C-alpha atoms as a PDB file:
ATOM      1  CA  MET A   1     -10.948-149.694   0.109  1.00  0.00           C
ATOM      2  CA  SER A   2      -7.166-150.035   0.151  1.00  0.00           C
ATOM      3  CA  ALA A   3      -5.207-151.233   3.166  1.00  0.00           C
ATOM      4  CA  LYS A   4      -2.807-148.610   4.505  1.00  0.00           C
ATOM      5  CA  PRO A   5       0.268-149.318   6.704  1.00  0.00           C
ATOM      6  CA  GLU A   6       0.250-147.686  10.084  1.00  0.00           C
ATOM      7  CA  THR A   7       3.597-146.809  11.602  1.00  0.00           C
ATOM      8  CA  ASN A   8       4.118-148.525  14.987  1.00  0.00           C
ATOM      9  CA  SER A   9       6.551-150.659  16.907  1.00  0.00           C
ATOM     10  CA  ARG A  10       4.527-153.838  16.884  1.00  0.00           C
ATOM     11  CA  ARG A  11       6.053-157.124  15.892  1.00  0.00           C
ATOM     12  CA  SER A  12       3.495-157.525  13.099  1.00  0.00           C
ATOM     13  CA  PRO A  13       2.668-154.492  10.946  1.00  0.00           C
ATOM     14  CA  ARG A  14      -0.821-153.127  11.384  1.00  0.00           C
ATOM     15  CA  PHE A  15      -2.835-152.164   8.311  1.00  0.00           C
ATOM     16  CA  ASN A  16      -6.001-149.997   8.098  1.00  0.00           C
ATOM     17  CA  ALA A  17      -8.756-151.857   6.236  1.00  0.00           C
ATOM     18  CA  ALA A  18     -12.540-151.917   6.350  1.00  0.00           C
ATOM     19  CA  LEU A  19     -13.672-155.544   5.989  1.00  0.00           C
ATOM     20  CA  GLU A  20     -17.339-156.108   6.798  1.00  0.00           C
ATOM     21  CA  VAL A  21     -17.756-158.468   9.784  1.00  0.00           C
ATOM     22  CA  ARG A  22     -20.475-159.843  12.074  1.00  0.00           C
ATOM     23  CA  PHE A  23     -19.422-160.246  15.710  1.00  0.00           C
ATOM     24  CA  SER A  24     -20.776-161.189  19.115  1.00  0.00           C
ATOM     25  CA  ILE A  25     -19.354-160.511  22.621  1.00  0.00           C
ATOM     26  CA  ASN A  26     -19.498-163.230  25.242  1.00  0.00           C
ATOM     27  CA  GLY A  27     -22.045-165.203  23.276  1.00  0.00           C
ATOM     28  CA  GLY A  28     -24.461-162.219  23.015  1.00  0.00           C
ATOM     29  CA  PRO A  29     -26.449-160.988  19.977  1.00  0.00           C
ATOM     30  CA  GLU A  30     -24.599-160.698  16.708  1.00  0.00           C
ATOM     31  CA  GLU A  31     -23.799-157.164  15.382  1.00  0.00           C
ATOM     32  CA  VAL A  32     -22.740-155.998  11.966  1.00  0.00           C
ATOM     33  CA  SER A  33     -19.777-153.659  11.615  1.00  0.00           C
ATOM     34  CA  ASN A  34     -16.372-153.374   9.919  1.00  0.00           C
ATOM     35  CA  THR A  35     -12.751-153.684  10.898  1.00  0.00           C
ATOM     36  CA  LEU A  36     -10.596-150.631  11.537  1.00  0.00           C
ATOM     37  CA  ASN A  37      -7.293-152.418  11.018  1.00  0.00           C
ATOM     38  CA  PHE A  38      -5.650-155.839  11.306  1.00  0.00           C
ATOM     39  CA  THR A  39      -2.444-157.704  11.781  1.00  0.00           C
ATOM     40  CA  THR A  40      -1.604-161.285  10.940  1.00  0.00           C
ATOM     41  CA  ARG A  41      -2.847-162.185  14.465  1.00  0.00           C
ATOM     42  CA  SER A  42      -5.469-159.657  15.469  1.00  0.00           C
ATOM     43  CA  LEU A  43      -8.414-157.526  14.346  1.00  0.00           C
ATOM     44  CA  ALA A  44      -9.629-154.156  15.494  1.00  0.00           C
ATOM     45  CA  ILE A  45     -13.367-153.663  15.051  1.00  0.00           C
ATOM     46  CA  ARG A  46     -15.464-150.519  14.977  1.00  0.00           C
ATOM     47  CA  SER A  47     -18.065-150.721  17.686  1.00  0.00           C
ATOM     48  CA  GLU A  48     -20.155-148.827  20.213  1.00  0.00           C
ATOM     49  CA  CYS A  49     -20.940-151.906  22.208  1.00  0.00           C
ATOM     50  CA  ASP A  50     -20.162-152.283  25.909  1.00  0.00           C
ATOM     51  CA  VAL A  51     -16.985-154.278  25.692  1.00  0.00           C
ATOM     52  CA  ALA A  52     -14.194-154.908  28.295  1.00  0.00           C
ATOM     53  CA  LYS A  53     -10.689-156.234  28.187  1.00  0.00           C
ATOM     54  CA  GLY A  54     -10.764-160.003  28.506  1.00  0.00           C
ATOM     55  CA  ASP A  55     -14.198-160.460  26.880  1.00  0.00           C
ATOM     56  CA  SER A  56     -14.515-163.310  24.444  1.00  0.00           C
ATOM     57  CA  VAL A  57     -15.398-162.401  20.822  1.00  0.00           C
ATOM     58  CA  ALA A  58     -16.695-164.482  17.931  1.00  0.00           C
ATOM     59  CA  VAL A  59     -16.269-162.981  14.433  1.00  0.00           C
ATOM     60  CA  ARG A  60     -17.738-163.932  11.050  1.00  0.00           C
ATOM     61  CA  LEU A  61     -15.529-162.574   8.270  1.00  0.00           C
ATOM     62  CA  GLY A  62     -16.175-163.272   4.535  1.00  0.00           C
ATOM     63  CA  GLY A  63     -16.574-166.970   3.722  1.00  0.00           C
ATOM     64  CA  LEU A  64     -14.549-168.162   6.728  1.00  0.00           C
ATOM     65  CA  PRO A  65     -16.003-170.229   9.631  1.00  0.00           C
ATOM     66  CA  VAL A  66     -16.515-168.424  12.887  1.00  0.00           C
ATOM     67  CA  LEU A  67     -13.244-166.980  14.300  1.00  0.00           C
ATOM     68  CA  SER A  68     -12.747-166.667  18.049  1.00  0.00           C
ATOM     69  CA  GLY A  69     -10.587-164.449  20.184  1.00  0.00           C
ATOM     70  CA  GLN A  70     -10.254-162.262  23.219  1.00  0.00           C
ATOM     71  CA  VAL A  71     -10.485-158.443  23.633  1.00  0.00           C
ATOM     72  CA  VAL A  72      -7.100-157.037  24.532  1.00  0.00           C
ATOM     73  CA  ARG A  73      -7.748-153.380  24.093  1.00  0.00           C
ATOM     74  CA  VAL A  74     -10.772-151.021  24.191  1.00  0.00           C
ATOM     75  CA  PHE A  75     -10.795-147.487  22.621  1.00  0.00           C
ATOM     76  CA  PRO A  76     -13.387-144.860  21.676  1.00  0.00           C
ATOM     77  CA  GLU A  77     -13.932-146.243  18.178  1.00  0.00           C
ATOM     78  CA  GLY A  78     -14.148-149.854  19.228  1.00  0.00           C
ATOM     79  CA  PHE A  79     -11.962-152.666  20.339  1.00  0.00           C
ATOM     80  CA  ALA A  80      -8.974-154.926  19.331  1.00  0.00           C
ATOM     81  CA  ALA A  81      -8.986-158.673  19.766  1.00  0.00           C
ATOM     82  CA  THR A  82      -6.267-161.274  19.305  1.00  0.00           C
ATOM     83  CA  LEU A  83      -7.357-164.529  17.716  1.00  0.00           C
ATOM     84  CA  ASP A  84      -6.948-167.957  19.231  1.00  0.00           C
ATOM     85  CA  ASP A  85      -4.626-170.631  17.666  1.00  0.00           C
ATOM     86  CA  ALA A  86      -7.541-172.502  16.089  1.00  0.00           C
ATOM     87  CA  SER A  87      -8.782-169.364  14.339  1.00  0.00           C
ATOM     88  CA  LEU A  88      -5.306-168.449  13.137  1.00  0.00           C
ATOM     89  CA  LYS A  89      -5.094-171.868  11.546  1.00  0.00           C
ATOM     90  CA  LEU A  90      -8.425-171.291   9.803  1.00  0.00           C
ATOM     91  CA  MET A  91      -7.220-168.023   8.397  1.00  0.00           C
ATOM     92  CA  ALA A  92      -3.964-169.513   7.300  1.00  0.00           C
ATOM     93  CA  GLY A  93      -5.864-172.385   5.627  1.00  0.00           C
ATOM     94  CA  GLY A  94      -8.121-169.888   3.806  1.00  0.00           C
ATOM     95  CA  GLN A  95     -11.601-171.017   3.132  1.00  0.00           C
ATOM     96  CA  LYS A  96     -13.972-173.898   2.826  1.00  0.00           C
ATOM     97  CA  GLU A  97     -13.791-176.003  -0.319  1.00  0.00           C
ATOM     98  CA  VAL A  98     -15.625-174.084  -2.974  1.00  0.00           C
ATOM     99  CA  SER A  99     -16.154-174.259  -6.713  1.00  0.00           C
ATOM    100  CA  LEU A 100     -16.080-171.573  -9.433  1.00  0.00           C
ATOM    101  CA  ALA A 101     -19.856-171.974 -10.105  1.00  0.00           C
ATOM    102  CA  PRO A 102     -20.909-168.413  -9.179  1.00  0.00           C
ATOM    103  CA  PHE A 103     -18.564-167.085 -11.848  1.00  0.00           C
ATOM    104  CA  GLY A 104     -19.374-169.888 -14.243  1.00  0.00           C
ATOM    105  CA  GLU A 105     -23.064-168.743 -14.429  1.00  0.00           C
ATOM    106  CA  VAL A 106     -22.075-165.431 -16.085  1.00  0.00           C
ATOM    107  CA  ASP A 107     -19.364-164.126 -18.334  1.00  0.00           C
ATOM    108  CA  ILE A 108     -16.625-162.849 -15.951  1.00  0.00           C
ATOM    109  CA  ARG A 109     -16.083-160.006 -18.432  1.00  0.00           C
ATOM    110  CA  ASP A 110     -19.629-158.815 -17.840  1.00  0.00           C
ATOM    111  CA  LYS A 111     -18.913-155.437 -16.075  1.00  0.00           C
ATOM    112  CA  SER A 112     -22.366-155.229 -14.671  1.00  0.00           C
ATOM    113  CA  LYS A 113     -21.819-158.313 -12.537  1.00  0.00           C
ATOM    114  CA  ASN A 114     -18.061-158.431 -12.229  1.00  0.00           C
ATOM    115  CA  LYS A 115     -15.110-156.051 -12.103  1.00  0.00           C
ATOM    116  CA  SER A 116     -11.601-156.898 -13.201  1.00  0.00           C
ATOM    117  CA  SER A 117      -8.384-155.196 -12.544  1.00  0.00           C
ATOM    118  CA  PRO A 118      -5.887-154.267 -15.299  1.00  0.00           C
ATOM    119  CA  PHE A 119      -3.294-156.964 -15.839  1.00  0.00           C
ATOM    120  CA  ILE A 120      -0.591-156.720 -13.144  1.00  0.00           C
ATOM    121  CA  ASN A 121       3.036-157.568 -13.898  1.00  0.00           C
ATOM    122  CA  ALA A 122       4.514-160.080 -11.485  1.00  0.00           C
ATOM    123  CA  GLU A 123       8.088-160.962 -10.646  1.00  0.00           C
ATOM    124  CA  SER A 124       8.927-164.527 -11.790  1.00  0.00           C
ATOM    125  CA  SER A 125      11.487-166.561 -13.713  1.00  0.00           C
ATOM    126  CA  VAL A 126       8.784-166.847 -16.453  1.00  0.00           C
ATOM    127  CA  PRO A 127       7.136-163.638 -17.655  1.00  0.00           C
ATOM    128  CA  THR A 128       3.843-163.614 -15.755  1.00  0.00           C
ATOM    129  CA  ARG A 129       0.903-161.324 -15.377  1.00  0.00           C
ATOM    130  CA  ILE A 130      -2.241-161.597 -13.144  1.00  0.00           C
ATOM    131  CA  GLN A 131      -5.698-160.170 -13.217  1.00  0.00           C
ATOM    132  CA  ILE A 132      -8.139-159.984 -10.283  1.00  0.00           C
ATOM    133  CA  THR A 133     -11.870-160.320 -10.867  1.00  0.00           C
ATOM    134  CA  THR A 134     -14.425-159.674  -8.171  1.00  0.00           C
ATOM    135  CA  SER A 135     -18.058-160.714  -8.378  1.00  0.00           C
ATOM    136  CA  LEU A 136     -20.380-157.879  -7.788  1.00  0.00           C
ATOM    137  CA  ALA A 137     -23.386-160.248  -7.554  1.00  0.00           C
ATOM    138  CA  HIS A 138     -22.532-161.465  -4.072  1.00  0.00           C
ATOM    139  CA  GLU A 139     -24.220-161.678  -0.655  1.00  0.00           C
ATOM    140  CA  ILE A 140     -23.282-158.634   1.473  1.00  0.00           C
ATOM    141  CA  ASP A 141     -20.717-160.440   3.627  1.00  0.00           C
ATOM    142  CA  ALA A 142     -19.359-162.926   1.140  1.00  0.00           C
ATOM    143  CA  HIS A 143     -17.452-161.420  -1.694  1.00  0.00           C
ATOM    144  CA  ARG A 144     -15.821-163.738  -4.235  1.00  0.00           C
ATOM    145  CA  HIS A 145     -12.568-163.041  -6.001  1.00  0.00           C
ATOM    146  CA  LEU A 146     -10.704-164.786  -8.732  1.00  0.00           C
ATOM    147  CA  ILE A 147      -7.060-164.463  -9.557  1.00  0.00           C
ATOM    148  CA  THR A 148      -6.159-165.316 -13.219  1.00  0.00           C
ATOM    149  CA  LEU A 149      -2.486-166.007 -13.671  1.00  0.00           C
ATOM    150  CA  VAL A 150      -1.093-165.956 -17.254  1.00  0.00           C
ATOM    151  CA  THR A 151       2.418-167.112 -18.092  1.00  0.00           C
ATOM    152  CA  ALA A 152       4.362-166.877 -21.305  1.00  0.00           C
ATOM    153  CA  ASP A 153       5.181-170.567 -21.113  1.00  0.00           C
ATOM    154  CA  PRO A 154       2.371-173.211 -21.088  1.00  0.00           C
ATOM    155  CA  ALA A 155       4.800-175.712 -19.536  1.00  0.00           C
ATOM    156  CA  ALA A 156       5.112-173.567 -16.384  1.00  0.00           C
ATOM    157  CA  VAL A 157       1.508-174.469 -15.378  1.00  0.00           C
ATOM    158  CA  SER A 158       1.621-178.196 -16.363  1.00  0.00           C
ATOM    159  CA  GLY A 159       2.143-180.972 -13.856  1.00  0.00           C
ATOM    160  CA  ILE A 160       1.360-178.731 -10.885  1.00  0.00           C
ATOM    161  CA  ASN A 161       0.562-180.631  -7.710  1.00  0.00           C
ATOM    162  CA  THR A 162      -0.062-177.878  -5.260  1.00  0.00           C
ATOM    163  CA  ILE A 163      -0.241-174.048  -5.189  1.00  0.00           C
ATOM    164  CA  TRP A 164       0.576-172.145  -2.044  1.00  0.00           C
ATOM    165  CA  LEU A 165      -0.362-168.506  -1.614  1.00  0.00           C
ATOM    166  CA  SER A 166       1.195-166.428   1.161  1.00  0.00           C
ATOM    167  CA  ALA A 167       0.905-162.895   2.482  1.00  0.00           C
ATOM    168  CA  SER A 168       3.376-162.015   5.263  1.00  0.00           C
ATOM    169  CA  GLU A 169       3.146-164.803   7.895  1.00  0.00           C
ATOM    170  CA  THR A 170      -0.206-166.112   6.621  1.00  0.00           C
ATOM    171  CA  ARG A 171      -0.165-169.009   4.223  1.00  0.00           C
ATOM    172  CA  TRP A 172      -2.911-171.050   2.554  1.00  0.00           C
ATOM    173  CA  THR A 173      -3.505-173.577  -0.176  1.00  0.00           C
ATOM    174  CA  ALA A 174      -5.128-172.201  -3.372  1.00  0.00           C
ATOM    175  CA  GLN A 175      -8.724-173.346  -3.892  1.00  0.00           C
ATOM    176  CA  ALA A 176     -10.929-173.929  -6.907  1.00  0.00           C
ATOM    177  CA  LEU A 177      -8.021-174.303  -9.382  1.00  0.00           C
ATOM    178  CA  LYS A 178      -8.459-174.426 -13.149  1.00  0.00           C
ATOM    179  CA  PHE A 179      -5.568-174.933 -15.525  1.00  0.00           C
ATOM    180  CA  HIS A 180      -5.570-174.483 -19.291  1.00  0.00           C
ATOM    181  CA  SER A 181      -3.379-173.349 -22.227  1.00  0.00           C
ATOM    182  CA  ARG A 182      -4.250-170.840 -24.901  1.00  0.00           C
ATOM    183  CA  GLY A 183      -1.833-170.590 -27.776  1.00  0.00           C
ATOM    184  CA  ASN A 184       1.596-169.949 -26.212  1.00  0.00           C
ATOM    185  CA  ARG A 185       0.156-168.979 -22.811  1.00  0.00           C
ATOM    186  CA  GLY A 186      -0.428-171.009 -19.652  1.00  0.00           C
ATOM    187  CA  ILE A 187      -3.384-169.949 -17.487  1.00  0.00           C
ATOM    188  CA  VAL A 188      -4.301-170.716 -13.882  1.00  0.00           C
ATOM    189  CA  VAL A 189      -7.444-169.511 -12.139  1.00  0.00           C
ATOM    190  CA  MET A 190      -7.614-169.438  -8.328  1.00  0.00           C
ATOM    191  CA  ASN A 191     -10.409-168.431  -5.894  1.00  0.00           C
ATOM    192  CA  LEU A 192      -9.848-166.076  -2.886  1.00  0.00           C
ATOM    193  CA  ASN A 193     -12.122-164.920  -0.104  1.00  0.00           C
ATOM    194  CA  ASP A 194     -12.230-161.304   1.391  1.00  0.00           C
ATOM    195  CA  TRP A 195      -9.665-161.919   4.115  1.00  0.00           C
ATOM    196  CA  GLN A 196      -7.108-163.311   1.730  1.00  0.00           C
ATOM    197  CA  LEU A 197      -7.394-160.501  -0.776  1.00  0.00           C
ATOM    198  CA  HIS A 198      -7.120-157.894   2.013  1.00  0.00           C
ATOM    199  CA  MET A 199      -3.979-159.618   3.261  1.00  0.00           C
ATOM    200  CA  ALA A 200      -2.586-159.559  -0.227  1.00  0.00           C
ATOM    201  CA  ALA A 201      -3.483-155.862  -0.558  1.00  0.00           C
ATOM    202  CA  ALA A 202      -1.694-155.130   2.680  1.00  0.00           C
ATOM    203  CA  TYR A 203       1.384-157.348   2.382  1.00  0.00           C
ATOM    204  CA  GLY A 204       1.720-158.342  -1.248  1.00  0.00           C
ATOM    205  CA  LEU A 205       1.189-161.902  -2.493  1.00  0.00           C
ATOM    206  CA  THR A 206       3.614-164.712  -3.189  1.00  0.00           C
ATOM    207  CA  ILE A 207       2.384-167.610  -5.266  1.00  0.00           C
ATOM    208  CA  SER A 208       4.395-170.880  -5.006  1.00  0.00           C
ATOM    209  CA  MET A 209       3.530-173.503  -7.624  1.00  0.00           C
ATOM    210  CA  ILE A 210       4.804-176.992  -6.723  1.00  0.00           C
ATOM    211  CA  LYS A 211       5.067-179.556  -9.548  1.00  0.00           C
ATOM    212  CA  ASP A 212       4.835-183.348  -9.274  1.00  0.00           C
ATOM    213  CA  ASN A 213       8.676-183.556  -9.506  1.00  0.00           C
ATOM    214  CA  LEU A 214       8.825-181.016  -6.599  1.00  0.00           C
ATOM    215  CA  ASP A 215      10.173-178.233  -8.767  1.00  0.00           C
ATOM    216  CA  GLU A 216       8.959-174.867  -7.455  1.00  0.00           C
ATOM    217  CA  GLN A 217       8.131-171.662  -9.342  1.00  0.00           C
ATOM    218  CA  LEU A 218       7.738-168.443  -7.220  1.00  0.00           C
ATOM    219  CA  ILE A 219       5.665-165.502  -8.378  1.00  0.00           C
ATOM    220  CA  GLU A 220       5.736-162.250  -6.365  1.00  0.00           C
ATOM    221  CA  ILE A 221       3.008-159.617  -6.697  1.00  0.00           C
ATOM    222  CA  ASP A 222       3.221-156.123  -5.118  1.00  0.00           C
ATOM    223  CA  ALA A 223       0.535-155.073  -2.707  1.00  0.00           C
ATOM    224  CA  GLN A 224      -0.236-151.629  -4.383  1.00  0.00           C
ATOM    225  CA  PRO A 225      -2.152-152.831  -7.492  1.00  0.00           C
ATOM    226  CA  ILE A 226      -4.102-155.366  -5.429  1.00  0.00           C
ATOM    227  CA  ALA A 227      -5.042-152.566  -2.983  1.00  0.00           C
ATOM    228  CA  GLU A 228      -6.136-150.370  -5.892  1.00  0.00           C
ATOM    229  CA  HIS A 229      -8.458-153.035  -7.179  1.00  0.00           C
ATOM    230  CA  LEU A 230      -9.822-153.619  -3.740  1.00  0.00           C
ATOM    231  CA  ALA A 231     -10.531-149.962  -3.330  1.00  0.00           C
ATOM    232  CA  GLN A 232     -12.674-150.028  -6.478  1.00  0.00           C
ATOM    233  CA  VAL A 233     -14.837-153.012  -5.455  1.00  0.00           C
ATOM    234  CA  MET A 234     -15.057-152.793  -1.682  1.00  0.00           C
ATOM    235  CA  PRO A 235     -15.644-149.220  -0.395  1.00  0.00           C
ATOM    236  CA  GLU A 236     -15.754-148.488   3.360  1.00  0.00           C
ATOM    237  CA  LYS A 237     -18.957-149.504   5.101  1.00  0.00           C
ATOM    238  CA  LYS A 238     -20.581-147.765   8.069  1.00  0.00           C
ATOM    239  CA  ALA A 239     -20.775-149.595  11.377  1.00  0.00           C
ATOM    240  CA  SER A 240     -24.179-150.297  12.974  1.00  0.00           C
ATOM    241  CA  ASN A 241     -24.973-149.143  16.451  1.00  0.00           C
ATOM    242  CA  CYS A 242     -25.538-151.652  19.384  1.00  0.00           C
END
């Protein structure tokens, strides 16, 4: 489902989004549910569990390691928790080192196992389009997403040392990169997890490609077409009862 902005006076905008999560309170049993909304520093989780302000919470989200935080607000639908500094660093860093193997086993154009967005025009000094492909043959809590970036200049993707991705205040290094040229096009393939794609759907995505000579090319992608793809591949999920 798409992430929708919620009007409020908070320092970080809050966005409605249903990401499937597993969570435990104060080291108790793990429950399966979904988020109600998120900011760059907190998560609100749908829950009927007995939760109190100040409780510790551990959350598993997508392919990320366990995230830790503290309950700061309780309401009828669930609770909100702020994440500790170590968890914020994990989210900013993205995901564990991964390969493109799950996509390599099948043709990513196979609509029965993967779903791709239309090509999305991006703002850049070199004409650039991106396409998002999501694997439908995934474990329930570990979606996989590819971003394929196509430029009109093969030289634009040569000699790249690092690629940074950022959504609002959250920044991470692109993983599982592949570079190649096709005719007069330069192509880069990057791997994202659920959290990163939801962040991009809420805030938009900036891609910063750094070359060996430290030249930088910035590519800006609006949030709306990313959110539209997300709505097609990740519908809302019902929370389980405690």
